[in-house]
C-alpha atoms as a PDB file:
ATOM      1  CA  MET A   1     -78.282  28.426  32.574  1.00  0.00           C
ATOM      2  CA  LYS A   2     -80.267  30.149  30.110  1.00  0.00           C
ATOM      3  CA  ARG A   3     -80.270  28.715  26.515  1.00  0.00           C
ATOM      4  CA  SER A   4     -78.732  32.067  25.122  1.00  0.00           C
ATOM      5  CA  ALA A   5     -76.107  31.654  27.841  1.00  0.00           C
ATOM      6  CA  VAL A   6     -75.355  28.069  26.682  1.00  0.00           C
ATOM      7  CA  SER A   7     -75.159  29.253  23.065  1.00  0.00           C
ATOM      8  CA  ASN A   8     -72.807  31.920  23.910  1.00  0.00           C
ATOM      9  CA  ALA A   9     -70.429  29.534  25.973  1.00  0.00           C
ATOM     10  CA  ILE A  10     -70.503  27.074  23.094  1.00  0.00           C
ATOM     11  CA  ILE A  11     -69.667  30.033  20.492  1.00  0.00           C
ATOM     12  CA  LYS A  12     -67.026  31.120  22.735  1.00  0.00           C
ATOM     13  CA  ARG A  13     -65.455  27.730  23.089  1.00  0.00           C
ATOM     14  CA  LYS A  14     -65.727  27.160  19.555  1.00  0.00           C
ATOM     15  CA  GLY A  15     -64.093  30.641  18.824  1.00  0.00           C
ATOM     16  CA  GLY A  16     -61.277  29.626  21.120  1.00  0.00           C
ATOM     17  CA  ASP A  17     -60.854  26.372  19.246  1.00  0.00           C
ATOM     18  CA  LEU A  18     -60.952  28.165  16.207  1.00  0.00           C
ATOM     19  CA  LEU A  19     -58.318  30.668  17.079  1.00  0.00           C
ATOM     20  CA  GLN A  20     -56.032  27.982  18.674  1.00  0.00           C
ATOM     21  CA  GLY A  21     -56.356  26.035  15.346  1.00  0.00           C
ATOM     22  CA  PHE A  22     -55.625  29.058  13.508  1.00  0.00           C
ATOM     23  CA  ALA A  23     -52.455  29.797  15.714  1.00  0.00           C
ATOM     24  CA  VAL A  24     -51.428  26.269  15.063  1.00  0.00           C
ATOM     25  CA  VAL A  25     -51.974  26.627  11.469  1.00  0.00           C
ATOM     26  CA  LYS A  26     -49.854  29.820  11.468  1.00  0.00           C
ATOM     27  CA  HIS A  27     -47.035  28.250  13.521  1.00  0.00           C
ATOM     28  CA  GLN A  28     -46.842  25.220  11.057  1.00  0.00           C
ATOM     29  CA  ARG A  29     -46.433  27.836   8.113  1.00  0.00           C
ATOM     30  CA  ARG A  30     -43.919  29.709   9.812  1.00  0.00           C
ATOM     31  CA  LEU A  31     -42.243  26.438  10.464  1.00  0.00           C
ATOM     32  CA  GLN A  32     -42.435  25.466   6.914  1.00  0.00           C
ATOM     33  CA  ILE A  33     -41.313  28.880   5.739  1.00  0.00           C
ATOM     34  CA  ALA A  34     -38.222  28.531   8.164  1.00  0.00           C
ATOM     35  CA  LYS A  35     -37.413  24.956   6.894  1.00  0.00           C
ATOM     36  CA  LYS A  36     -37.804  26.230   3.164  1.00  0.00           C
ATOM     37  CA  GLN A  37     -35.484  29.189   3.956  1.00  0.00           C
ATOM     38  CA  ASP A  38     -33.225  26.767   5.794  1.00  0.00           C
ATOM     39  CA  SER A  39     -33.406  24.307   2.738  1.00  0.00           C
ATOM     40  CA  ILE A  40     -32.544  27.203   0.435  1.00  0.00           C
ATOM     41  CA  LYS A  41     -29.491  28.234   2.552  1.00  0.00           C
ATOM     42  CA  ILE A  42     -28.429  24.621   2.697  1.00  0.00           C
ATOM     43  CA  ILE A  43     -28.861  24.274  -1.177  1.00  0.00           C
ATOM     44  CA  SER A  44     -26.945  27.397  -1.791  1.00  0.00           C
ATOM     45  CA  ALA A  45     -24.175  26.630   0.677  1.00  0.00           C
ATOM     46  CA  TYR A  46     -23.756  23.214  -1.100  1.00  0.00           C
ATOM     47  CA  ASP A  47     -24.076  24.635  -4.589  1.00  0.00           C
ATOM     48  CA  THR A  48     -21.207  27.087  -3.520  1.00  0.00           C
ATOM     49  CA  VAL A  49     -19.006  24.151  -2.210  1.00  0.00           C
ATOM     50  CA  MET A  50     -19.732  21.949  -5.145  1.00  0.00           C
ATOM     51  CA  LYS A  51     -18.673  24.795  -7.486  1.00  0.00           C
ATOM     52  CA  GLY A  52     -15.746  25.540  -5.563  1.00  0.00           C
ATOM     53  CA  PHE A  53     -14.665  21.776  -5.844  1.00  0.00           C
ATOM     54  CA  ALA A  54     -15.701  21.659  -9.471  1.00  0.00           C
ATOM     55  CA  LYS A  55     -13.321  24.596 -10.214  1.00  0.00           C
ATOM     56  CA  LYS A  56     -10.583  22.936  -8.105  1.00  0.00           C
ATOM     57  CA  PHE A  57     -10.915  19.431  -9.735  1.00  0.00           C
ATOM     58  CA  GLU A  58     -10.702  21.060 -13.207  1.00  0.00           C
ATOM     59  CA  ALA A  59      -7.698  22.852 -12.422  1.00  0.00           C
ATOM     60  CA  TRP A  60      -6.537  19.477 -10.852  1.00  0.00           C
ATOM     61  CA  LYS A  61      -7.229  17.747 -14.131  1.00  0.00           C
ATOM     62  CA  ALA A  62      -5.348  20.007 -16.133  1.00  0.00           C
ATOM     63  CA  SER A  63      -2.272  19.852 -14.056  1.00  0.00           C
ATOM     64  CA  GLN A  64      -2.387  15.965 -14.327  1.00  0.00           C
ATOM     65  CA  LYS A  65      -1.497  16.173 -18.166  1.00  0.00           C
ATOM     66  CA  ALA A  66       2.032  17.111 -17.169  1.00  0.00           C
ATOM     67  CA  HIS A  67       2.193  14.950 -14.148  1.00  0.00           C
ATOM     68  CA  ALA A  68      -0.345  11.735 -14.256  1.00  0.00           C
ATOM     69  CA  ASP A  69      -0.070  11.205 -10.581  1.00  0.00           C
ATOM     70  CA  CYS A  70      -2.956   8.674 -10.569  1.00  0.00           C
ATOM     71  CA  PHE A  71      -0.957   6.609 -13.087  1.00  0.00           C
ATOM     72  CA  ASN A  72       0.629   3.457 -11.610  1.00  0.00           C
ATOM     73  CA  VAL A  73       2.112   0.568 -13.678  1.00  0.00           C
ATOM     74  CA  MET A  74       1.179  -2.273 -11.447  1.00  0.00           C
ATOM     75  CA  ASP A  75      -2.017  -0.918 -10.461  1.00  0.00           C
ATOM     76  CA  LEU A  76      -3.063  -0.545 -14.112  1.00  0.00           C
ATOM     77  CA  LEU A  77      -1.907  -4.187 -14.657  1.00  0.00           C
ATOM     78  CA  GLN A  78      -3.697  -5.385 -11.570  1.00  0.00           C
ATOM     79  CA  LEU A  79      -0.567  -6.751 -10.079  1.00  0.00           C
ATOM     80  CA  ILE A  80      -0.758  -5.016  -6.618  1.00  0.00           C
ATOM     81  CA  ASN A  81      -1.786  -8.149  -4.636  1.00  0.00           C
ATOM     82  CA  ASP A  82       0.366 -10.633  -6.417  1.00  0.00           C
ATOM     83  CA  GLU A  83       3.290 -11.598  -4.274  1.00  0.00           C
ATOM     84  CA  VAL A  84       5.138 -13.622  -7.024  1.00  0.00           C
ATOM     85  CA  ARG A  85       5.046 -10.203  -9.048  1.00  0.00           C
ATOM     86  CA  HIS A  86       6.554  -8.289  -6.249  1.00  0.00           C
ATOM     87  CA  SER A  87       9.207 -11.076  -6.016  1.00  0.00           C
ATOM     88  CA  MET A  88       9.947 -10.822  -9.617  1.00  0.00           C
ATOM     89  CA  VAL A  89      10.504  -7.020  -9.409  1.00  0.00           C
ATOM     90  CA  LEU A  90      12.965  -7.269  -6.392  1.00  0.00           C
ATOM     91  CA  ALA A  91      14.801 -10.324  -8.204  1.00  0.00           C
ATOM     92  CA  TRP A  92      15.008  -7.960 -11.209  1.00  0.00           C
ATOM     93  CA  LEU A  93      16.666  -5.197  -8.992  1.00  0.00           C
ATOM     94  CA  LEU A  94      19.117  -7.332  -7.498  1.00  0.00           C
ATOM     95  CA  ASP A  95      20.439  -9.395 -10.640  1.00  0.00           C
ATOM     96  CA  ASN A  96      23.304  -8.178 -12.646  1.00  0.00           C
ATOM     97  CA  ASP A  97      22.845 -10.558 -15.399  1.00  0.00           C
ATOM     98  CA  MET A  98      21.065  -9.007 -18.681  1.00  0.00           C
ATOM     99  CA  THR A  99      20.468 -12.272 -19.815  1.00  0.00           C
ATOM    100  CA  ARG A 100      18.265 -13.260 -16.867  1.00  0.00           C
ATOM    101  CA  PHE A 101      16.388 -10.950 -14.559  1.00  0.00           C
ATOM    102  CA  GLY A 102      18.875  -7.982 -14.731  1.00  0.00           C
ATOM    103  CA  THR A 103      17.591  -6.401 -18.000  1.00  0.00           C
ATOM    104  CA  HIS A 104      17.864  -3.088 -16.326  1.00  0.00           C
ATOM    105  CA  ALA A 105      21.437  -3.135 -17.662  1.00  0.00           C
ATOM    106  CA  GLN A 106      22.713  -1.583 -14.587  1.00  0.00           C
ATOM    107  CA  GLY A 107      24.866  -4.261 -13.529  1.00  0.00           C
ATOM    108  CA  ASN A 108      25.340  -4.816  -9.570  1.00  0.00           C
ATOM    109  CA  ALA A 109      23.880  -1.145  -8.992  1.00  0.00           C
ATOM    110  CA  GLY A 110      20.811  -2.466  -7.475  1.00  0.00           C
ATOM    111  CA  PHE A 111      22.348  -5.228  -5.324  1.00  0.00           C
ATOM    112  CA  LYS A 112      25.072  -2.745  -4.057  1.00  0.00           C
ATOM    113  CA  VAL A 113      22.268  -0.432  -2.873  1.00  0.00           C
ATOM    114  CA  PHE A 114      20.591  -3.257  -1.134  1.00  0.00           C
ATOM    115  CA  CYS A 115      23.825  -4.131   0.571  1.00  0.00           C
ATOM    116  CA  GLN A 116      24.483  -0.589   1.867  1.00  0.00           C
ATOM    117  CA  GLU A 117      20.823  -0.258   3.080  1.00  0.00           C
ATOM    118  CA  LEU A 118      21.002  -3.650   4.947  1.00  0.00           C
ATOM    119  CA  ASP A 119      24.570  -3.223   6.236  1.00  0.00           C
ATOM    120  CA  LEU A 120      25.825  -6.158   4.390  1.00  0.00           C
ATOM    121  CA  PRO A 121      29.777  -6.198   3.309  1.00  0.00           C
ATOM    122  CA  LEU A 122      30.039  -4.416  -0.250  1.00  0.00           C
ATOM    123  CA  LYS A 123      32.498  -6.889  -1.373  1.00  0.00           C
ATOM    124  CA  PHE A 124      29.320  -9.249  -1.737  1.00  0.00           C
ATOM    125  CA  SER A 125      28.030  -6.878  -4.580  1.00  0.00           C
ATOM    126  CA  ASP A 126      31.462  -7.187  -6.331  1.00  0.00           C
ATOM    127  CA  ALA A 127      31.384 -10.804  -6.391  1.00  0.00           C
ATOM    128  CA  SER A 128      30.328 -13.194  -9.248  1.00  0.00           C
ATOM    129  CA  TYR A 129      27.018 -13.809  -7.766  1.00  0.00           C
ATOM    130  CA  TRP A 130      23.753 -15.070  -9.075  1.00  0.00           C
ATOM    131  CA  VAL A 131      20.005 -14.417  -8.398  1.00  0.00           C
ATOM    132  CA  ARG A 132      17.479 -17.275  -8.368  1.00  0.00           C
ATOM    133  CA  ARG A 133      13.631 -17.460  -7.932  1.00  0.00           C
ATOM    134  CA  GLU A 134      11.527 -19.861  -6.423  1.00  0.00           C
ATOM    135  CA  VAL A 135      14.439 -22.297  -5.057  1.00  0.00           C
ATOM    136  CA  ALA A 136      13.132 -25.604  -4.044  1.00  0.00           C
ATOM    137  CA  GLY A 137      14.676 -27.214  -1.150  1.00  0.00           C
ATOM    138  CA  ASP A 138      13.931 -30.318   0.662  1.00  0.00           C
ATOM    139  CA  LYS A 139      10.978 -29.030   2.798  1.00  0.00           C
ATOM    140  CA  SER A 140      10.776 -25.532   1.497  1.00  0.00           C
ATOM    141  CA  ARG A 141      10.796 -23.263  -1.473  1.00  0.00           C
ATOM    142  CA  ILE A 142      12.235 -19.938  -1.233  1.00  0.00           C
ATOM    143  CA  ASP A 143      11.174 -16.767  -2.922  1.00  0.00           C
ATOM    144  CA  ILE A 144      14.646 -15.171  -3.815  1.00  0.00           C
ATOM    145  CA  GLU A 145      18.160 -16.547  -3.639  1.00  0.00           C
ATOM    146  CA  ILE A 146      21.218 -14.194  -4.115  1.00  0.00           C
ATOM    147  CA  ALA A 147      24.618 -16.097  -3.693  1.00  0.00           C
ATOM    148  CA  ALA A 148      28.173 -16.415  -4.556  1.00  0.00           C
ATOM    149  CA  ARG A 149      29.899 -19.819  -4.610  1.00  0.00           C
ATOM    150  CA  GLY A 150      32.258 -20.011  -1.334  1.00  0.00           C
ATOM    151  CA  MET A 151      31.421 -16.596  -0.464  1.00  0.00           C
ATOM    152  CA  PHE A 152      27.821 -15.844   0.769  1.00  0.00           C
ATOM    153  CA  LEU A 153      24.417 -17.139   0.651  1.00  0.00           C
ATOM    154  CA  ILE A 154      21.145 -14.975   1.063  1.00  0.00           C
ATOM    155  CA  HIS A 155      17.526 -15.974   1.054  1.00  0.00           C
ATOM    156  CA  ILE A 156      14.524 -13.815   1.058  1.00  0.00           C
ATOM    157  CA  GLU A 157      11.048 -14.835   1.980  1.00  0.00           C
ATOM    158  CA  ASN A 158       8.521 -12.349   0.646  1.00  0.00           C
ATOM    159  CA  LYS A 159       5.220 -12.207   2.592  1.00  0.00           C
ATOM    160  CA  ILE A 160       3.004  -9.341   1.921  1.00  0.00           C
ATOM    161  CA  TRP A 161      -0.596 -10.760   2.266  1.00  0.00           C
ATOM    162  CA  ALA A 162      -0.213 -14.537   3.336  1.00  0.00           C
ATOM    163  CA  ARG A 163       1.714 -15.032   6.350  1.00  0.00           C
ATOM    164  CA  ASN A 164       2.469 -18.944   6.418  1.00  0.00           C
ATOM    165  CA  ASP A 165       5.807 -19.063   7.962  1.00  0.00           C
ATOM    166  CA  GLN A 166       8.141 -21.756   7.020  1.00  0.00           C
ATOM    167  CA  THR A 167      11.218 -20.258   7.875  1.00  0.00           C
ATOM    168  CA  ARG A 168      12.441 -23.068   9.965  1.00  0.00           C
ATOM    169  CA  GLU A 169      12.060 -25.435   7.198  1.00  0.00           C
ATOM    170  CA  GLU A 170      13.851 -22.703   5.184  1.00  0.00           C
ATOM    171  CA  TRP A 171      16.674 -22.484   7.570  1.00  0.00           C
ATOM    172  CA  ASN A 172      17.447 -26.259   7.400  1.00  0.00           C
ATOM    173  CA  ASP A 173      17.462 -26.059   3.657  1.00  0.00           C
ATOM    174  CA  MET A 174      19.587 -23.192   3.544  1.00  0.00           C
ATOM    175  CA  GLN A 175      22.121 -25.162   5.568  1.00  0.00           C
ATOM    176  CA  ARG A 176      22.394 -27.850   3.155  1.00  0.00           C
ATOM    177  CA  ARG A 177      22.350 -25.056   0.287  1.00  0.00           C
ATOM    178  CA  ALA A 178      25.340 -23.554   1.750  1.00  0.00           C
ATOM    179  CA  LYS A 179      27.243 -26.681   1.862  1.00  0.00           C
ATOM    180  CA  GLU A 180      26.533 -27.334  -1.629  1.00  0.00           C
ATOM    181  CA  ILE A 181      28.005 -24.069  -2.842  1.00  0.00           C
ATOM    182  CA  GLY A 182      31.075 -24.025  -0.326  1.00  0.00           C
ATOM    183  CA  VAL A 183      29.688 -21.481   2.123  1.00  0.00           C
ATOM    184  CA  ARG A 184      31.197 -22.080   5.391  1.00  0.00           C
ATOM    185  CA  ASP A 185      30.921 -18.925   7.376  1.00  0.00           C
ATOM    186  CA  GLU A 186      27.691 -18.789   9.275  1.00  0.00           C
ATOM    187  CA  ASN A 187      27.738 -14.856   9.291  1.00  0.00           C
ATOM    188  CA  CYS A 188      27.408 -15.155   5.527  1.00  0.00           C
ATOM    189  CA  ILE A 189      24.346 -17.486   5.483  1.00  0.00           C
ATOM    190  CA  ILE A 190      21.587 -14.769   5.742  1.00  0.00           C
ATOM    191  CA  GLY A 191      17.939 -15.267   5.762  1.00  0.00           C
ATOM    192  CA  TYR A 192      15.405 -12.359   5.466  1.00  0.00           C
ATOM    193  CA  PHE A 193      11.576 -12.648   6.256  1.00  0.00           C
ATOM    194  CA  LEU A 194      10.200  -9.763   4.169  1.00  0.00           C
ATOM    195  CA  THR A 195       6.847  -8.219   5.476  1.00  0.00           C
ATOM    196  CA  PRO A 196       5.082  -5.000   5.099  1.00  0.00           C
ATOM    197  CA  ASP A 197       5.106  -4.321   8.980  1.00  0.00           C
ATOM    198  CA  GLY A 198       8.344  -6.257  10.095  1.00  0.00           C
ATOM    199  CA  ALA A 199       6.406  -9.386  11.452  1.00  0.00           C
ATOM    200  CA  LEU A 200       9.027 -11.716  13.398  1.00  0.00           C
ATOM    201  CA  PRO A 201       9.651 -14.855  11.493  1.00  0.00           C
ATOM    202  CA  ASP A 202       9.042 -18.168  13.309  1.00  0.00           C
ATOM    203  CA  CYS A 203      12.882 -18.872  12.840  1.00  0.00           C
ATOM    204  CA  GLU A 204      15.178 -16.948  15.102  1.00  0.00           C
ATOM    205  CA  TYR A 205      17.900 -17.189  12.380  1.00  0.00           C
ATOM    206  CA  PHE A 206      16.074 -15.181   9.944  1.00  0.00           C
ATOM    207  CA  HIS A 207      16.178 -11.287   9.965  1.00  0.00           C
ATOM    208  CA  ALA A 208      12.663  -9.339   9.732  1.00  0.00           C
ATOM    209  CA  ILE A 209      12.640  -6.420   7.337  1.00  0.00           C
ATOM    210  CA  LYS A 210      10.133  -4.276   6.062  1.00  0.00           C
ATOM    211  CA  TRP A 211       8.895  -3.351   2.516  1.00  0.00           C
ATOM    212  CA  ASP A 212       9.305   0.349   3.429  1.00  0.00           C
ATOM    213  CA  LEU A 213      13.326  -0.579   3.355  1.00  0.00           C
ATOM    214  CA  VAL A 214      12.898  -2.049   0.150  1.00  0.00           C
ATOM    215  CA  ALA A 215      11.301   1.080  -1.188  1.00  0.00           C
ATOM    216  CA  LYS A 216      14.367   2.829   0.032  1.00  0.00           C
ATOM    217  CA  VAL A 217      16.556   0.348  -2.112  1.00  0.00           C
ATOM    218  CA  PHE A 218      14.596   1.277  -5.167  1.00  0.00           C
ATOM    219  CA  GLU A 219      14.758   4.883  -4.496  1.00  0.00           C
ATOM    220  CA  GLY A 220      18.466   4.541  -4.363  1.00  0.00           C
ATOM    221  CA  PHE A 221      18.473   2.572  -7.358  1.00  0.00           C
ATOM    222  CA  ALA A 222      16.733   5.088  -9.274  1.00  0.00           C
ATOM    223  CA  GLU A 223      19.294   7.720  -8.257  1.00  0.00           C
ATOM    224  CA  VAL A 224      22.333   5.681  -9.614  1.00  0.00           C
ATOM    225  CA  SER A 225      20.475   4.348 -12.988  1.00  0.00           C
ATOM    226  CA  GLU A 226      21.603   5.806 -16.039  1.00  0.00           C
ATOM    227  CA  ALA A 227      18.636   4.650 -18.003  1.00  0.00           C
ATOM    228  CA  PRO A 228      15.624   6.857 -17.883  1.00  0.00           C
ATOM    229  CA  ASN A 229      12.994   4.080 -18.342  1.00  0.00           C
ATOM    230  CA  VAL A 230      14.626   2.161 -15.501  1.00  0.00           C
ATOM    231  CA  GLU A 231      14.614   5.284 -13.194  1.00  0.00           C
ATOM    232  CA  PHE A 232      10.900   5.897 -14.000  1.00  0.00           C
ATOM    233  CA  PHE A 233      10.053   2.376 -13.450  1.00  0.00           C
ATOM    234  CA  CYS A 234      11.755   2.388 -10.002  1.00  0.00           C
ATOM    235  CA  ARG A 235      10.170   5.691  -8.910  1.00  0.00           C
ATOM    236  CA  ASN A 236       6.772   4.227 -10.041  1.00  0.00           C
ATOM    237  CA  TYR A 237       7.161   1.365  -8.074  1.00  0.00           C
ATOM    238  CA  VAL A 238       8.040   3.144  -4.960  1.00  0.00           C
ATOM    239  CA  GLU A 239       4.809   4.985  -5.262  1.00  0.00           C
ATOM    240  CA  THR A 240       3.292   1.448  -5.555  1.00  0.00           C
ATOM    241  CA  LEU A 241       4.760   0.241  -2.388  1.00  0.00           C
ATOM    242  CA  HIS A 242       3.900   3.284  -0.499  1.00  0.00           C
ATOM    243  CA  LYS A 243       0.311   3.701  -1.327  1.00  0.00           C
ATOM    244  CA  PHE A 244      -0.744   0.150  -1.683  1.00  0.00           C
ATOM    245  CA  ILE A 245       1.474  -1.845   0.876  1.00  0.00           C
ATOM    246  CA  ILE A 246       3.302   0.281   3.131  1.00  0.00           C
ATOM    247  CA  GLN A 247       0.365   2.940   3.751  1.00  0.00           C
ATOM    248  CA  GLN A 248      -2.177  -0.113   4.073  1.00  0.00           C
ATOM    249  CA  SER A 249       0.228  -1.840   6.697  1.00  0.00           C
ATOM    250  CA  ILE A 250       0.335   1.322   8.805  1.00  0.00           C
ATOM    251  CA  GLU A 251      -3.446   1.764   8.747  1.00  0.00           C
ATOM    252  CA  GLY A 252      -3.808  -1.995   9.343  1.00  0.00           C
ATOM    253  CA  ASP A 253      -5.997  -2.382   6.140  1.00  0.00           C
ATOM    254  CA  LEU A 254      -3.896  -5.047   4.462  1.00  0.00           C
ATOM    255  CA  PRO A 255      -6.364  -7.301   2.594  1.00  0.00           C
ATOM    256  CA  ASP A 256      -6.657 -11.079   3.252  1.00  0.00           C
ATOM    257  CA  ALA A 257      -5.091 -13.529   0.863  1.00  0.00           C
ATOM    258  CA  ALA A 258      -4.913 -17.062   0.614  1.00  0.00           C
ATOM    259  CA  GLU A 259      -1.704 -18.870   1.860  1.00  0.00           C
END
């Protein structure tokens, strides 16, 4: 091949490479422009969404001045995960003695609603009964005791987070306790195992009940309460139960707790 022909071939090849390179650069520029345009669209869409969210959020904040839906007494005091505090609140509702737990001053109204929801004889709530907490037996300690001498004995074992089950020991202690206070009718010796999900107790004589049933008791108590502050607390506590205990139980997201 002649030298001029070789030179022309080299020039042609280089020209082709140059054109190919130019095409690649042009494609890359178009790609960059397209990406930039897409980014602008995404940013614009995101900005529109955020502006809409901000507008609705501000409207929601304004509405909360009249409602304060985020406010919760037990959450504010960081008592949500404290089983003992929940037992205290339940004992408060059940007690009819203003000088002890029953500072709601509604007499036996709470225990009457409790009897109605659990299909217990209403005569229990009309008896001269007492409510005690942390009642020690020979081999166990019960969270709540409701009892009337010679009439009935009810024990409630409250388990929200921990699940150490001592109901067999508690039932044996209940038999001795029933004899002490003169309760002879086995049908009037009643044990409840209270959990968020209705877990079955080890002892077949204990009845499994859920916290959503207790929430209904508080709702009923709020309805009959004549004191506005008592009604407010009960409704706020019902929100506590649904938001932090019942709903988490449904979702299987109950936190672990030491026994």
